[in-house]
Protein backbone atom coordinates (compact mmCIF):
# COMPACT_ATOMS: atom_id res chain seq x y z
CA UNK A 1 0.00 0.00 0.00
CA UNK A 2 1.30 3.43 -0.89
CA UNK A 3 0.02 6.92 -1.40
CA UNK A 4 0.07 8.16 -4.98
CA UNK A 5 0.36 11.87 -5.60
CA UNK A 6 -0.05 14.10 -8.64
CA UNK A 7 2.10 12.89 -11.53
CA UNK A 8 2.59 9.35 -10.20
CA UNK A 9 2.15 6.39 -12.54
CA UNK A 10 0.40 3.11 -12.03
CA UNK A 11 0.87 -0.06 -14.04
CA UNK A 12 4.00 0.92 -15.96
CA UNK A 13 5.79 -2.26 -14.89
CA UNK A 14 3.34 -4.30 -16.94
CA UNK A 15 4.43 -2.49 -20.10
CA UNK A 16 8.13 -3.15 -19.58
CA UNK A 17 7.85 -6.73 -18.33
CA UNK A 18 4.71 -7.95 -20.11
CA UNK A 19 2.99 -8.99 -16.90
CA UNK A 20 -0.59 -8.57 -15.73
CA UNK A 21 -1.57 -5.51 -13.73
CA UNK A 22 -2.58 -6.76 -10.29
CA UNK A 23 -3.51 -3.73 -8.27
CA UNK A 24 -6.45 -1.79 -6.96
CA UNK A 25 -6.90 1.92 -6.35
CA UNK A 26 -8.79 3.51 -3.50
CA UNK A 27 -9.26 7.27 -3.77
CA UNK A 28 -9.49 9.67 -0.86
CA UNK A 29 -11.40 12.19 -2.99
CA UNK A 30 -12.25 13.10 -6.60
CA UNK A 31 -9.58 12.42 -9.22
CA UNK A 32 -9.14 11.69 -12.89
CA UNK A 33 -7.49 8.51 -14.14
CA UNK A 34 -6.50 7.69 -17.68
CA UNK A 35 -5.80 4.38 -19.38
CA UNK A 36 -3.15 4.15 -22.04
CA UNK A 37 -3.30 1.07 -24.28
CA UNK A 38 -0.02 -0.53 -25.33
CA UNK A 39 -0.01 0.53 -29.03
CA UNK A 40 -0.55 4.16 -28.01
CA UNK A 41 2.17 3.93 -25.39
CA UNK A 42 4.61 2.66 -28.03
CA UNK A 43 3.72 5.64 -30.22
CA UNK A 44 4.18 8.02 -27.28
CA UNK A 45 7.57 6.56 -26.38
CA UNK A 46 8.70 6.77 -30.00
CA UNK A 47 7.74 10.43 -30.24
CA UNK A 48 9.05 11.31 -26.76
CA UNK A 49 12.00 9.01 -25.94
CA UNK A 50 12.86 11.01 -22.81
CA UNK A 51 9.53 9.88 -21.34
CA UNK A 52 10.57 6.25 -21.75
CA UNK A 53 13.68 6.98 -19.68
CA UNK A 54 11.52 8.55 -16.97
CA UNK A 55 9.24 5.50 -16.84
CA UNK A 56 12.21 3.13 -16.78
CA UNK A 57 13.81 5.07 -13.93
CA UNK A 58 10.57 4.94 -11.95
CA UNK A 59 10.25 1.21 -12.65
CA UNK A 60 13.77 0.56 -11.36
CA UNK A 61 12.99 2.44 -8.13
CA UNK A 62 9.94 0.27 -7.42
CA UNK A 63 10.25 -1.78 -4.27
CA UNK A 64 7.75 -4.54 -3.54
CA UNK A 65 7.53 -5.23 0.19
CA UNK A 66 6.35 -8.80 -0.53
CA UNK A 67 9.58 -9.58 -2.40
CA UNK A 68 11.94 -8.44 0.37
């Protein structure tokens, strides 16, 4: 369990490792979520390669308490 704040990502590990997304979200108040399908993500990362580096960096910082 962790608190997501503005600009955080959810589910990016599934794009890099081809695994299923296995999470749930509980919101404290109103918010807007967006879903990005894989073909569109590939287009985005092709047009903006710096964004891919940001996502990869975030993915490498991910720590799963159940794996420790």
